Amino acid sequence: MKVITCPHCGKLVATPSLGRPATKITVIEVCDALRLLHDIPAAAQKLGCSRALIYKILKQYDLTPIDFSNGRIKK
């Protein structure tokens, strides 16, 4: 629960958590899934996240999906 102030009347209102819960997926889990499956949609399904999250995590570490197919990232 989160308590916020109503912008219209100024009363305090208890609300459920706002937004999606954070996902705790590490770059190592993403890399392992991509090495195993060689496919972003399949890796996202295996990890239970969106494709966009996988791309976001890879971008943080300056990686691309191609790095896993051309041998830059090895086992």
Protein backbone atom coordinates (compact mmCIF):
# COMPACT_ATOMS: atom_id res chain seq x y z
CA MET A 1 0.00 0.00 0.00
CA LYS A 2 1.06 3.50 -0.74
CA VAL A 3 -0.44 6.60 0.82
CA ILE A 4 -0.82 9.61 -1.47
CA THR A 5 -2.44 13.01 -1.15
CA CYS A 6 -5.44 13.64 -3.38
CA PRO A 7 -4.67 16.62 -5.63
CA HIS A 8 -8.34 17.72 -5.60
CA CYS A 9 -9.40 17.54 -1.93
CA GLY A 10 -6.07 17.18 -0.09
CA LYS A 11 -7.09 14.03 1.81
CA LEU A 12 -4.70 11.14 2.31
CA VAL A 13 -5.73 8.10 0.28
CA ALA A 14 -4.32 4.56 0.53
CA THR A 15 -3.71 3.00 -2.89
CA PRO A 16 -2.26 -0.29 -4.05
CA SER A 17 1.27 -0.18 -5.43
CA LEU A 18 1.51 1.77 -8.64
CA GLY A 19 3.06 0.26 -11.76
CA ARG A 20 4.45 -3.15 -12.45
CA PRO A 21 6.60 -4.96 -9.94
CA ALA A 22 10.30 -4.76 -10.73
CA THR A 23 11.83 -7.79 -12.40
CA LYS A 24 15.12 -9.04 -11.03
CA ILE A 25 16.77 -10.43 -14.15
CA THR A 26 20.54 -10.20 -14.37
CA VAL A 27 22.67 -9.85 -17.48
CA ILE A 28 24.08 -13.31 -16.76
CA GLU A 29 20.61 -14.86 -16.94
CA VAL A 30 19.94 -13.04 -20.22
CA CYS A 31 23.26 -14.14 -21.70
CA ASP A 32 22.72 -17.76 -20.66
CA ALA A 33 19.23 -17.78 -22.17
CA LEU A 34 20.50 -16.30 -25.44
CA ARG A 35 23.39 -18.76 -25.65
CA LEU A 36 20.96 -21.62 -25.11
CA LEU A 37 18.04 -20.47 -27.29
CA HIS A 38 19.62 -18.08 -29.87
CA ASP A 39 16.34 -16.15 -30.06
CA ILE A 40 15.13 -13.03 -28.23
CA PRO A 41 11.41 -14.00 -28.07
CA ALA A 42 12.24 -17.49 -26.80
CA ALA A 43 14.66 -16.11 -24.21
CA ALA A 44 12.05 -13.58 -23.05
CA GLN A 45 9.46 -16.33 -22.66
CA LYS A 46 11.91 -18.52 -20.73
CA LEU A 47 12.81 -15.64 -18.38
CA GLY A 48 9.21 -14.47 -18.02
CA CYS A 49 9.86 -10.93 -19.22
CA SER A 50 9.37 -8.79 -22.30
CA ARG A 51 11.67 -8.65 -25.32
CA ALA A 52 12.16 -4.95 -24.61
CA LEU A 53 13.59 -5.74 -21.18
CA ILE A 54 16.14 -8.10 -22.73
CA TYR A 55 17.21 -5.42 -25.21
CA LYS A 56 17.41 -2.87 -22.37
CA ILE A 57 19.63 -5.15 -20.27
CA LEU A 58 21.88 -5.91 -23.24
CA LYS A 59 22.17 -2.20 -24.07
CA GLN A 60 23.33 -1.43 -20.52
CA TYR A 61 26.33 -3.71 -21.11
CA ASP A 62 26.92 -2.64 -24.74
CA LEU A 63 25.86 -6.03 -26.11
CA THR A 64 23.64 -7.01 -29.03
CA PRO A 65 21.95 -10.30 -29.91
CA ILE A 66 24.38 -10.64 -32.82
CA ASP A 67 27.26 -10.88 -30.34
CA PHE A 68 25.93 -14.27 -29.26
CA SER A 69 25.78 -15.69 -32.78
CA ASN A 70 29.13 -14.45 -34.14
CA GLY A 71 31.22 -15.79 -31.25
CA ARG A 72 32.02 -12.53 -29.43
CA ILE A 73 30.37 -13.92 -26.30
CA LYS A 74 31.61 -17.42 -25.57
CA LYS A 75 30.44 -20.02 -23.08
